N, C-alpha and C. Protein backbone atom coordinates (compact mmCIF):
# COMPACT_ATOMS: atom_id res chain seq x y z
N MET A 1 79.94 91.19 77.22
CA MET A 1 81.10 91.66 77.94
C MET A 1 80.82 93.07 78.45
N ARG A 2 81.16 93.30 79.68
CA ARG A 2 80.98 94.61 80.31
C ARG A 2 82.07 95.57 79.82
N THR A 3 81.75 96.85 79.69
CA THR A 3 82.71 97.89 79.36
C THR A 3 82.94 98.75 80.59
N ILE A 4 84.22 99.03 80.90
CA ILE A 4 84.57 99.87 82.03
C ILE A 4 85.29 101.10 81.49
N GLN A 5 84.79 102.26 81.81
CA GLN A 5 85.39 103.52 81.39
C GLN A 5 86.51 103.89 82.35
N ALA A 6 87.74 104.02 81.84
CA ALA A 6 88.86 104.46 82.68
C ALA A 6 88.72 105.94 82.94
N LYS A 7 88.91 106.34 84.19
CA LYS A 7 88.73 107.74 84.55
C LYS A 7 89.98 108.28 85.22
N PRO A 8 90.12 109.60 85.24
CA PRO A 8 91.28 110.19 85.92
C PRO A 8 91.24 109.87 87.41
N LEU A 9 92.42 109.80 87.99
CA LEU A 9 92.57 109.50 89.40
C LEU A 9 92.16 110.71 90.23
N SER A 10 91.38 110.48 91.27
CA SER A 10 91.05 111.54 92.23
C SER A 10 90.98 110.91 93.62
N LYS A 11 91.31 111.69 94.64
CA LYS A 11 91.32 111.18 96.02
C LYS A 11 89.95 110.63 96.41
N GLU A 12 88.89 111.32 96.03
CA GLU A 12 87.54 110.92 96.41
C GLU A 12 87.14 109.61 95.75
N ALA A 13 87.40 109.49 94.46
CA ALA A 13 86.98 108.29 93.73
C ALA A 13 87.78 107.07 94.12
N PHE A 14 89.05 107.25 94.53
CA PHE A 14 89.92 106.12 94.81
C PHE A 14 89.96 105.73 96.29
N ARG A 15 89.43 106.58 97.16
CA ARG A 15 89.54 106.40 98.61
C ARG A 15 89.15 105.01 99.09
N LYS A 16 88.10 104.41 98.57
CA LYS A 16 87.64 103.11 99.07
C LYS A 16 88.57 101.96 98.70
N TYR A 17 89.50 102.18 97.77
CA TYR A 17 90.42 101.13 97.34
C TYR A 17 91.79 101.25 97.99
N GLY A 18 92.14 102.46 98.43
CA GLY A 18 93.45 102.68 99.02
C GLY A 18 93.82 104.15 98.93
N GLU A 19 95.09 104.41 98.69
CA GLU A 19 95.60 105.78 98.60
C GLU A 19 96.57 105.87 97.43
N TYR A 20 96.97 107.09 97.09
CA TYR A 20 98.03 107.27 96.12
C TYR A 20 98.77 108.56 96.41
N GLN A 21 99.99 108.65 95.88
CA GLN A 21 100.83 109.83 96.07
C GLN A 21 101.68 110.01 94.82
N ASN A 22 101.60 111.19 94.20
CA ASN A 22 102.47 111.50 93.08
C ASN A 22 103.86 111.76 93.66
N LEU A 23 104.80 110.90 93.36
CA LEU A 23 106.15 111.00 93.92
C LEU A 23 107.01 112.00 93.18
N LEU A 24 106.46 112.65 92.17
CA LEU A 24 107.19 113.68 91.42
C LEU A 24 106.70 115.09 91.77
N ASP A 25 105.67 115.20 92.59
CA ASP A 25 105.09 116.49 92.98
C ASP A 25 105.64 116.90 94.35
N THR A 26 106.72 117.68 94.36
CA THR A 26 107.39 118.01 95.62
C THR A 26 106.52 118.85 96.54
N GLU A 27 105.66 119.68 96.00
CA GLU A 27 104.77 120.48 96.84
C GLU A 27 103.80 119.58 97.60
N ASP A 28 103.21 118.61 96.90
CA ASP A 28 102.29 117.69 97.54
C ASP A 28 103.02 116.75 98.51
N LEU A 29 104.24 116.33 98.16
CA LEU A 29 105.04 115.51 99.06
C LEU A 29 105.32 116.24 100.37
N ALA A 30 105.61 117.54 100.28
CA ALA A 30 105.89 118.33 101.48
C ALA A 30 104.67 118.35 102.40
N LYS A 31 103.47 118.38 101.84
CA LYS A 31 102.25 118.38 102.64
C LYS A 31 102.05 117.04 103.36
N ALA A 32 102.53 115.96 102.76
CA ALA A 32 102.31 114.62 103.31
C ALA A 32 103.41 114.16 104.26
N SER A 33 104.49 114.94 104.37
CA SER A 33 105.65 114.52 105.13
C SER A 33 105.90 115.44 106.32
N ILE A 34 106.62 114.92 107.32
CA ILE A 34 107.01 115.76 108.45
C ILE A 34 108.17 116.69 108.07
N ASN A 35 108.85 116.36 106.98
CA ASN A 35 109.95 117.20 106.48
C ASN A 35 109.45 118.05 105.32
N PRO A 36 109.65 119.37 105.36
CA PRO A 36 109.09 120.24 104.33
C PRO A 36 109.84 120.22 103.00
N ARG A 37 111.07 119.69 102.96
CA ARG A 37 111.81 119.66 101.69
C ARG A 37 112.97 118.66 101.78
N GLY A 38 113.44 118.26 100.63
CA GLY A 38 114.62 117.41 100.56
C GLY A 38 114.36 115.93 100.73
N PHE A 39 113.94 115.52 101.91
CA PHE A 39 113.64 114.11 102.19
C PHE A 39 112.21 114.03 102.70
N PHE A 40 111.35 113.46 101.89
CA PHE A 40 109.93 113.38 102.24
C PHE A 40 109.67 112.00 102.84
N ALA A 41 109.68 111.93 104.15
CA ALA A 41 109.62 110.65 104.86
C ALA A 41 108.19 110.17 105.09
N ASP A 42 108.00 108.88 104.98
CA ASP A 42 106.77 108.20 105.41
C ASP A 42 105.50 108.80 104.81
N VAL A 43 105.50 109.03 103.51
CA VAL A 43 104.32 109.64 102.88
C VAL A 43 103.17 108.65 102.69
N LEU A 44 103.44 107.37 102.65
CA LEU A 44 102.41 106.33 102.61
C LEU A 44 102.88 105.16 103.45
N THR A 45 101.96 104.49 104.10
CA THR A 45 102.28 103.31 104.89
C THR A 45 101.55 102.12 104.30
N LEU A 46 102.28 101.05 104.07
CA LEU A 46 101.70 99.82 103.56
C LEU A 46 101.80 98.75 104.63
N ASN A 47 100.71 98.08 104.92
CA ASN A 47 100.72 96.98 105.88
C ASN A 47 101.11 95.72 105.13
N PHE A 48 102.32 95.22 105.41
CA PHE A 48 102.79 94.00 104.78
C PHE A 48 102.64 92.79 105.69
N GLY A 49 101.90 92.91 106.77
CA GLY A 49 101.75 91.79 107.68
C GLY A 49 103.02 91.61 108.51
N THR A 50 103.09 90.54 109.27
CA THR A 50 104.22 90.34 110.17
C THR A 50 105.04 89.11 109.84
N THR A 51 104.68 88.40 108.79
CA THR A 51 105.35 87.13 108.52
C THR A 51 106.45 87.19 107.47
N THR A 52 106.44 88.19 106.61
CA THR A 52 107.37 88.22 105.50
C THR A 52 107.88 89.64 105.27
N LEU A 53 109.10 89.77 104.83
CA LEU A 53 109.67 91.08 104.54
C LEU A 53 109.13 91.64 103.23
N PRO A 54 109.07 92.97 103.13
CA PRO A 54 108.64 93.58 101.87
C PRO A 54 109.63 93.27 100.75
N THR A 55 109.11 93.14 99.54
CA THR A 55 109.94 92.92 98.37
C THR A 55 109.58 93.92 97.28
N VAL A 56 110.50 94.10 96.37
CA VAL A 56 110.27 94.93 95.19
C VAL A 56 110.24 94.00 93.99
N SER A 57 109.18 94.07 93.21
CA SER A 57 109.04 93.31 91.97
C SER A 57 108.77 94.30 90.85
N VAL A 58 108.86 93.85 89.62
CA VAL A 58 108.57 94.70 88.47
C VAL A 58 107.57 93.98 87.58
N CYS A 59 106.50 94.69 87.23
CA CYS A 59 105.54 94.21 86.24
C CYS A 59 105.91 94.87 84.91
N HIS A 60 106.11 94.07 83.88
CA HIS A 60 106.40 94.60 82.55
C HIS A 60 105.18 94.33 81.69
N VAL A 61 104.54 95.40 81.21
CA VAL A 61 103.35 95.23 80.37
C VAL A 61 103.60 95.88 79.01
N THR A 62 103.01 95.29 78.00
CA THR A 62 103.13 95.83 76.65
C THR A 62 101.74 96.23 76.15
N LYS A 63 101.74 97.18 75.24
CA LYS A 63 100.47 97.70 74.71
C LYS A 63 99.72 96.59 73.97
N THR A 64 98.42 96.56 74.19
CA THR A 64 97.55 95.59 73.53
C THR A 64 96.47 96.32 72.75
N ASP A 65 95.87 95.65 71.80
CA ASP A 65 94.79 96.26 71.01
C ASP A 65 93.57 96.55 71.87
N ARG A 66 93.28 95.64 72.80
CA ARG A 66 92.13 95.79 73.69
C ARG A 66 92.58 95.50 75.12
N ARG A 67 91.95 96.17 76.09
CA ARG A 67 92.26 95.98 77.51
C ARG A 67 91.17 95.11 78.13
N ILE A 68 91.35 93.80 78.05
CA ILE A 68 90.34 92.85 78.50
C ILE A 68 90.72 92.31 79.88
N VAL A 69 89.79 92.40 80.83
CA VAL A 69 90.00 91.84 82.16
C VAL A 69 89.60 90.37 82.10
N ARG A 70 90.61 89.51 82.23
CA ARG A 70 90.39 88.07 82.21
C ARG A 70 90.77 87.41 83.53
N MET A 71 91.58 88.11 84.33
CA MET A 71 92.03 87.57 85.61
C MET A 71 91.89 88.64 86.68
N MET A 72 91.36 88.24 87.82
CA MET A 72 91.23 89.14 88.96
C MET A 72 91.88 88.48 90.16
N GLU A 73 92.52 89.30 90.99
CA GLU A 73 93.17 88.78 92.20
C GLU A 73 92.97 89.75 93.35
N ALA A 74 93.20 89.25 94.54
CA ALA A 74 93.20 90.08 95.75
C ALA A 74 94.09 89.41 96.77
N HIS A 75 94.54 90.17 97.74
CA HIS A 75 95.36 89.65 98.83
C HIS A 75 94.56 89.76 100.11
N GLN A 76 94.46 88.67 100.85
CA GLN A 76 93.60 88.62 102.03
C GLN A 76 94.08 89.53 103.15
N TYR A 77 95.40 89.59 103.37
CA TYR A 77 95.90 90.25 104.57
C TYR A 77 96.85 91.42 104.32
N THR A 78 97.31 91.57 103.12
CA THR A 78 98.36 92.57 102.88
C THR A 78 97.97 93.59 101.82
N CYS A 79 98.63 94.74 101.90
CA CYS A 79 98.50 95.78 100.89
C CYS A 79 99.41 95.46 99.71
N GLU A 80 99.18 96.17 98.61
CA GLU A 80 100.08 96.10 97.45
C GLU A 80 100.36 97.53 97.02
N GLY A 81 101.60 97.79 96.66
CA GLY A 81 102.00 99.10 96.18
C GLY A 81 102.40 99.02 94.72
N LEU A 82 101.92 99.97 93.90
CA LEU A 82 102.24 100.01 92.47
C LEU A 82 102.76 101.39 92.10
N LEU A 83 103.83 101.43 91.30
CA LEU A 83 104.42 102.69 90.84
C LEU A 83 104.78 102.58 89.36
N PRO A 84 103.98 103.18 88.47
CA PRO A 84 104.37 103.20 87.06
C PRO A 84 105.64 104.05 86.90
N ILE A 85 106.70 103.42 86.40
CA ILE A 85 108.00 104.09 86.34
C ILE A 85 108.17 104.91 85.07
N ASP A 86 107.79 104.35 83.92
CA ASP A 86 108.16 104.99 82.66
C ASP A 86 107.00 105.22 81.69
N ALA A 87 105.76 105.12 82.17
CA ALA A 87 104.60 105.38 81.31
C ALA A 87 103.35 105.52 82.18
N ASP A 88 102.34 106.19 81.66
CA ASP A 88 101.03 106.22 82.30
C ASP A 88 100.37 104.87 82.05
N VAL A 89 99.62 104.39 83.04
CA VAL A 89 98.95 103.09 82.90
C VAL A 89 97.51 103.19 83.40
N ILE A 90 96.74 102.19 83.07
CA ILE A 90 95.39 102.03 83.61
C ILE A 90 95.42 100.84 84.55
N ILE A 91 94.80 100.98 85.72
CA ILE A 91 94.59 99.83 86.60
C ILE A 91 93.09 99.67 86.80
N PHE A 92 92.69 98.46 87.14
CA PHE A 92 91.30 98.26 87.55
C PHE A 92 91.31 97.79 89.00
N VAL A 93 90.28 98.19 89.72
CA VAL A 93 90.13 97.85 91.13
C VAL A 93 88.65 97.64 91.43
N GLY A 94 88.39 96.91 92.49
CA GLY A 94 87.01 96.69 92.89
C GLY A 94 86.96 95.95 94.21
N THR A 95 85.77 95.61 94.60
CA THR A 95 85.56 94.86 95.84
C THR A 95 84.91 93.53 95.50
N PRO A 96 85.19 92.50 96.30
CA PRO A 96 84.54 91.22 96.04
C PRO A 96 83.04 91.36 96.32
N GLY A 97 82.23 91.04 95.37
CA GLY A 97 80.77 91.12 95.55
C GLY A 97 80.25 89.87 96.23
N ARG A 98 79.83 90.00 97.47
CA ARG A 98 79.30 88.88 98.25
C ARG A 98 80.26 87.69 98.23
N GLY A 99 81.55 88.02 98.37
CA GLY A 99 82.57 86.99 98.42
C GLY A 99 83.00 86.45 97.07
N LYS A 100 82.41 86.98 95.99
CA LYS A 100 82.72 86.49 94.65
C LYS A 100 83.36 87.61 93.84
N PHE A 101 84.40 87.29 93.08
CA PHE A 101 85.01 88.28 92.19
C PHE A 101 84.17 88.37 90.92
N THR A 102 83.83 89.59 90.57
CA THR A 102 83.05 89.81 89.35
C THR A 102 83.44 91.14 88.74
N VAL A 103 83.40 91.23 87.43
CA VAL A 103 83.72 92.49 86.76
C VAL A 103 82.66 93.55 87.02
N ASP A 104 81.51 93.15 87.53
CA ASP A 104 80.44 94.11 87.82
C ASP A 104 80.83 95.11 88.90
N ASN A 105 81.80 94.75 89.75
CA ASN A 105 82.22 95.62 90.85
C ASN A 105 83.51 96.36 90.57
N LEU A 106 83.94 96.41 89.31
CA LEU A 106 85.24 97.01 88.98
C LEU A 106 85.10 98.45 88.49
N GLU A 107 86.13 99.23 88.79
CA GLU A 107 86.33 100.56 88.23
C GLU A 107 87.74 100.59 87.66
N ALA A 108 87.99 101.50 86.72
CA ALA A 108 89.33 101.64 86.13
C ALA A 108 89.80 103.07 86.31
N PHE A 109 91.10 103.21 86.59
CA PHE A 109 91.70 104.53 86.81
C PHE A 109 92.97 104.69 85.99
N ILE A 110 93.18 105.90 85.52
CA ILE A 110 94.41 106.26 84.82
C ILE A 110 95.42 106.69 85.87
N ILE A 111 96.55 105.99 85.91
CA ILE A 111 97.59 106.28 86.90
C ILE A 111 98.76 106.94 86.18
N PRO A 112 99.01 108.22 86.46
CA PRO A 112 100.13 108.89 85.80
C PRO A 112 101.48 108.31 86.25
N GLN A 113 102.40 108.28 85.31
CA GLN A 113 103.78 107.87 85.60
C GLN A 113 104.27 108.62 86.82
N GLY A 114 104.92 107.92 87.75
CA GLY A 114 105.45 108.55 88.95
C GLY A 114 104.47 108.62 90.10
N THR A 115 103.26 108.12 89.94
CA THR A 115 102.25 108.14 91.00
C THR A 115 102.20 106.77 91.67
N PHE A 116 102.45 106.75 92.99
CA PHE A 116 102.45 105.51 93.75
C PHE A 116 101.04 105.23 94.25
N VAL A 117 100.55 104.03 94.00
CA VAL A 117 99.20 103.62 94.40
C VAL A 117 99.31 102.53 95.45
N LYS A 118 98.60 102.71 96.55
CA LYS A 118 98.50 101.70 97.60
C LYS A 118 97.13 101.05 97.49
N LEU A 119 97.10 99.73 97.32
CA LEU A 119 95.85 98.98 97.31
C LEU A 119 95.67 98.32 98.68
N ASN A 120 94.52 98.51 99.26
CA ASN A 120 94.21 97.91 100.56
C ASN A 120 94.02 96.39 100.42
N PRO A 121 94.10 95.64 101.53
CA PRO A 121 93.80 94.21 101.49
C PRO A 121 92.38 93.98 100.94
N LEU A 122 92.21 92.87 100.26
CA LEU A 122 90.94 92.41 99.67
C LEU A 122 90.39 93.32 98.57
N ILE A 123 91.23 94.16 98.00
CA ILE A 123 90.81 94.95 96.83
C ILE A 123 91.13 94.13 95.59
N VAL A 124 90.12 93.89 94.79
CA VAL A 124 90.28 93.13 93.56
C VAL A 124 91.05 93.98 92.56
N HIS A 125 92.02 93.37 91.90
CA HIS A 125 92.83 94.06 90.90
C HIS A 125 93.44 93.01 89.98
N GLY A 126 94.29 93.47 89.07
CA GLY A 126 94.94 92.54 88.14
C GLY A 126 95.99 93.28 87.34
N THR A 127 96.21 92.83 86.13
CA THR A 127 97.27 93.42 85.32
C THR A 127 97.03 94.91 85.07
N GLN A 128 98.10 95.59 84.73
CA GLN A 128 98.02 97.00 84.38
C GLN A 128 98.06 97.10 82.84
N TYR A 129 97.57 98.21 82.31
CA TYR A 129 97.51 98.40 80.87
C TYR A 129 98.20 99.71 80.51
N VAL A 130 99.22 99.62 79.65
CA VAL A 130 99.93 100.81 79.22
C VAL A 130 99.03 101.61 78.27
N ILE A 131 99.12 102.94 78.34
CA ILE A 131 98.20 103.78 77.57
C ILE A 131 98.80 104.23 76.24
N ASP A 132 99.88 105.01 76.28
CA ASP A 132 100.33 105.66 75.06
C ASP A 132 101.79 105.35 74.68
N LYS A 133 102.34 104.31 75.23
CA LYS A 133 103.67 103.83 74.85
C LYS A 133 103.55 102.35 74.52
N ASP A 134 104.61 101.78 73.98
CA ASP A 134 104.58 100.36 73.63
C ASP A 134 104.73 99.45 74.84
N GLU A 135 105.39 99.96 75.90
CA GLU A 135 105.59 99.14 77.09
C GLU A 135 105.69 100.02 78.32
N ALA A 136 105.50 99.40 79.46
CA ALA A 136 105.64 100.10 80.74
C ALA A 136 106.23 99.13 81.76
N HIS A 137 106.99 99.71 82.69
CA HIS A 137 107.53 98.97 83.83
C HIS A 137 106.88 99.54 85.08
N ILE A 138 106.31 98.68 85.90
CA ILE A 138 105.62 99.11 87.11
C ILE A 138 106.31 98.45 88.31
N LEU A 139 106.80 99.27 89.22
CA LEU A 139 107.36 98.77 90.47
C LEU A 139 106.20 98.23 91.30
N CYS A 140 106.34 97.03 91.83
CA CYS A 140 105.29 96.40 92.62
C CYS A 140 105.88 96.02 93.97
N MET A 141 105.30 96.54 95.05
CA MET A 141 105.77 96.22 96.40
C MET A 141 104.75 95.32 97.09
N LEU A 142 105.24 94.16 97.53
CA LEU A 142 104.43 93.17 98.23
C LEU A 142 105.31 92.44 99.22
N PRO A 143 104.72 91.78 100.20
CA PRO A 143 105.53 90.87 101.02
C PRO A 143 106.04 89.73 100.14
N GLY A 144 107.19 89.20 100.48
CA GLY A 144 107.77 88.12 99.70
C GLY A 144 106.82 86.94 99.55
N ARG A 145 106.75 86.41 98.36
CA ARG A 145 105.96 85.23 98.00
C ARG A 145 104.45 85.41 98.18
N THR A 146 104.00 86.64 98.17
CA THR A 146 102.57 86.90 98.30
C THR A 146 101.76 86.19 97.22
N PHE A 147 102.33 86.11 96.02
CA PHE A 147 101.65 85.43 94.92
C PHE A 147 101.41 83.95 95.25
N ARG A 148 102.10 83.44 96.26
CA ARG A 148 101.96 82.04 96.64
C ARG A 148 101.20 81.86 97.96
N ASN A 149 101.35 82.81 98.91
CA ASN A 149 100.81 82.56 100.24
C ASN A 149 99.68 83.51 100.67
N ASP A 150 99.32 84.49 99.85
CA ASP A 150 98.25 85.41 100.25
C ASP A 150 97.49 85.95 99.03
N MET A 151 97.30 85.12 98.05
CA MET A 151 96.62 85.59 96.84
C MET A 151 95.43 84.71 96.52
N ILE A 152 94.32 85.37 96.23
CA ILE A 152 93.13 84.70 95.72
C ILE A 152 93.02 85.13 94.27
N ALA A 153 92.93 84.19 93.35
CA ALA A 153 92.86 84.54 91.93
C ALA A 153 91.66 83.86 91.28
N VAL A 154 91.05 84.59 90.35
CA VAL A 154 89.92 84.07 89.59
C VAL A 154 90.18 84.36 88.12
N PHE A 155 89.99 83.35 87.28
CA PHE A 155 90.15 83.52 85.84
C PHE A 155 88.77 83.49 85.20
N ALA A 156 88.47 84.53 84.43
CA ALA A 156 87.18 84.64 83.74
C ALA A 156 87.35 84.06 82.34
N GLU A 157 86.99 82.80 82.18
CA GLU A 157 87.16 82.12 80.89
C GLU A 157 86.08 82.52 79.88
N ASP A 158 84.86 82.70 80.37
CA ASP A 158 83.72 83.03 79.52
C ASP A 158 83.70 84.54 79.25
N GLU A 159 83.50 84.93 78.00
CA GLU A 159 83.48 86.35 77.64
C GLU A 159 82.42 87.13 78.42
N ALA A 160 81.33 86.50 78.81
CA ALA A 160 80.29 87.18 79.58
C ALA A 160 80.79 87.56 80.99
N GLU A 161 81.84 86.91 81.47
CA GLU A 161 82.42 87.20 82.79
C GLU A 161 83.59 88.15 82.71
N GLN A 162 83.92 88.62 81.50
CA GLN A 162 85.06 89.51 81.29
C GLN A 162 84.57 90.95 81.12
N ALA A 163 85.53 91.87 81.10
CA ALA A 163 85.21 93.28 80.86
C ALA A 163 86.29 93.88 79.98
N GLU A 164 85.92 94.91 79.24
CA GLU A 164 86.88 95.67 78.44
C GLU A 164 86.98 97.07 79.01
N ILE A 165 88.21 97.52 79.22
CA ILE A 165 88.45 98.87 79.71
C ILE A 165 88.70 99.79 78.53
N VAL A 166 88.00 100.92 78.53
CA VAL A 166 88.14 101.90 77.45
C VAL A 166 88.48 103.26 78.02
N LEU A 167 89.09 104.08 77.18
CA LEU A 167 89.40 105.46 77.60
C LEU A 167 88.27 106.37 77.22
C-alpha cells in the first residue's frame, strides 16, 4: 500500500488541481474581489456546465483510525467546490494517469476550516478525512445529479491499489 504525506495547502502546490480561498480571511478576500470590504463578490468561479443548476450538498465524515483511499472519482465536465465548515480536513487529489485512476498520482492536502477549494474537471478526488475532531461537515457544490450524470468512479479493492494518508 502506498503512503501519501498530507501537506499544508499552498497556492503553488495546489495550482494544477484548482484554486482555493480562505473565506474567513477578509484581507485576502479584499484582494480577490472588486469590492474592498463588506461584500466580497465573485472571488472564485466554478464551471458547472450548461445543463444543470448548481446545488449545495453536505458531506459528513467521521474520524477514522486510518485514512485509506479505497475509492477515487472525477467529473468529466464540471468543477467541484468543497468548504470544510466545522473542522480542518484532509483531501486527496490527483490526475488520471494515462486515462487510469491510480493512487500513484495522488497528493494530499490539509484544508483549514473555512477554506473553499475548487477542483477542476478531471481531477481525481474522493472522501475527505477529518483531522482533529470526531466529525466534520463539508459543503459540496456541484451541478445537480453530478454523481449520476458526470462522475467516473473507481474502487480499489486490492490493498496494493490503495493508499494511506498520513500527517
